[in-house]
Amino acid sequence: MHDPLGSSRYARTVSDHTLPIVLDIFETDLGMDVRRPEPETILIGDLGFDSVAVAIGIVAIEERLGVRLTVHQLLSCWTVGDIVRVIDAALPSTTAAPDSRGG
């Protein structure tokens, strides 16, 4: 269950590496307005996440992050932060924070 009282503590647990990639997927692949989302932003109510977004999101996450999520995993996420945590948990520890400079 999502705990709104713990949202500031919760927000600090979101990966600084994965969050920007997830937000880019939302914006570029899903056409969502992600101007000022926070990790506690609600997917359905705030961003309009729907079944089409789930299908496209699963493919985009796998292509960009190499993480294969199930529909069940994605549908269990209420917030942007939930998705980031599910992805981070699925990333191998050696690739959890790749060097974005390419070297």
Protein backbone atom coordinates (compact mmCIF):
# COMPACT_ATOMS: atom_id res chain seq x y z
CA MET A 1 0.00 0.00 0.00
CA HIS A 2 1.29 3.47 -0.90
CA ASP A 3 1.98 5.60 2.17
CA PRO A 4 1.55 9.30 1.34
CA LEU A 5 2.93 10.28 4.74
CA GLY A 6 6.25 8.69 3.89
CA SER A 7 6.51 10.27 0.46
CA SER A 8 9.56 12.46 1.19
CA ARG A 9 11.42 9.48 2.67
CA TYR A 10 10.18 7.34 -0.21
CA ALA A 11 11.34 9.86 -2.82
CA ARG A 12 14.92 9.64 -1.54
CA THR A 13 15.01 5.90 -2.25
CA VAL A 14 14.45 6.36 -5.99
CA SER A 15 17.48 5.75 -8.20
CA ASP A 16 19.04 8.90 -9.62
CA HIS A 17 20.14 6.86 -12.64
CA THR A 18 16.89 5.11 -13.51
CA LEU A 19 14.42 7.95 -12.85
CA PRO A 20 15.55 10.21 -15.76
CA ILE A 21 15.43 7.26 -18.16
CA VAL A 22 11.92 6.31 -17.03
CA LEU A 23 10.77 9.93 -17.38
CA ASP A 24 12.27 10.07 -20.88
CA ILE A 25 10.38 6.88 -21.79
CA PHE A 26 7.16 8.46 -20.52
CA GLU A 27 7.76 11.59 -22.56
CA THR A 28 9.25 10.22 -25.79
CA ASP A 29 7.70 6.80 -26.12
CA LEU A 30 4.38 7.40 -24.39
CA GLY A 31 3.83 11.09 -25.21
CA MET A 32 3.08 11.96 -21.58
CA ASP A 33 3.58 15.42 -20.11
CA VAL A 34 6.34 14.94 -17.55
CA ARG A 35 7.38 18.53 -16.94
CA ARG A 36 7.56 18.28 -13.15
CA PRO A 37 6.89 14.74 -12.01
CA GLU A 38 8.03 13.56 -8.63
CA PRO A 39 8.65 9.93 -7.69
CA GLU A 40 5.31 9.96 -5.88
CA THR A 41 3.44 11.15 -9.01
CA ILE A 42 0.52 8.76 -9.55
CA LEU A 43 0.66 7.01 -12.91
CA ILE A 44 -3.02 6.73 -13.75
CA GLY A 45 -4.42 9.87 -12.10
CA ASP A 46 -1.57 12.29 -12.79
CA LEU A 47 -0.03 10.98 -16.01
CA GLY A 48 -2.89 9.11 -17.67
CA PHE A 49 -1.11 5.74 -17.70
CA ASP A 50 -3.33 3.14 -19.44
CA SER A 51 -3.15 -0.33 -20.99
CA VAL A 52 -1.49 0.98 -24.15
CA ALA A 53 1.14 2.73 -22.01
CA VAL A 54 1.78 -0.55 -20.19
CA ALA A 55 2.43 -2.41 -23.45
CA ILE A 56 4.65 0.29 -24.92
CA GLY A 57 6.36 0.89 -21.59
CA ILE A 58 7.34 -2.76 -21.17
CA VAL A 59 9.03 -2.76 -24.58
CA ALA A 60 10.74 0.62 -24.06
CA ILE A 61 12.03 -0.35 -20.60
CA GLU A 62 13.50 -3.56 -21.99
CA GLU A 63 15.09 -1.78 -24.95
CA ARG A 64 16.60 1.08 -22.93
CA LEU A 65 17.45 -0.59 -19.65
CA GLY A 66 17.69 -4.26 -20.55
CA VAL A 67 15.07 -5.16 -17.93
CA ARG A 68 12.19 -7.42 -18.89
CA LEU A 69 9.16 -6.58 -16.74
CA THR A 70 5.91 -8.50 -16.75
CA VAL A 71 2.54 -6.86 -17.18
CA HIS A 72 1.78 -7.85 -13.59
CA GLN A 73 4.92 -6.08 -12.31
CA LEU A 74 4.08 -2.88 -14.17
CA LEU A 75 0.42 -2.94 -13.18
CA SER A 76 1.40 -3.32 -9.53
CA CYS A 77 3.05 0.11 -9.66
CA TRP A 78 1.01 3.10 -8.46
CA THR A 79 3.66 5.80 -8.84
CA VAL A 80 6.66 6.76 -10.94
CA GLY A 81 8.84 5.82 -7.97
CA ASP A 82 7.28 2.35 -7.84
CA ILE A 83 8.31 1.70 -11.45
CA VAL A 84 11.84 2.91 -10.77
CA ARG A 85 12.13 0.63 -7.73
CA VAL A 86 10.85 -2.40 -9.70
CA ILE A 87 13.37 -1.69 -12.48
CA ASP A 88 16.24 -1.15 -10.03
CA ALA A 89 15.41 -4.41 -8.27
CA ALA A 90 15.58 -6.23 -11.63
CA LEU A 91 18.87 -4.67 -12.73
CA PRO A 92 21.97 -6.78 -12.16
CA SER A 93 24.05 -5.12 -9.45
CA THR A 94 26.94 -4.56 -11.89
CA THR A 95 24.70 -2.53 -14.22
CA ALA A 96 22.65 -0.68 -11.62
CA ALA A 97 24.54 2.56 -12.23
CA PRO A 98 26.29 2.44 -15.60
CA ASP A 99 28.62 5.24 -16.59
CA SER A 100 26.55 7.45 -18.91
CA ARG A 101 29.74 8.96 -20.37
CA GLY A 102 30.36 5.74 -22.29
CA GLY A 103 33.69 4.95 -20.77
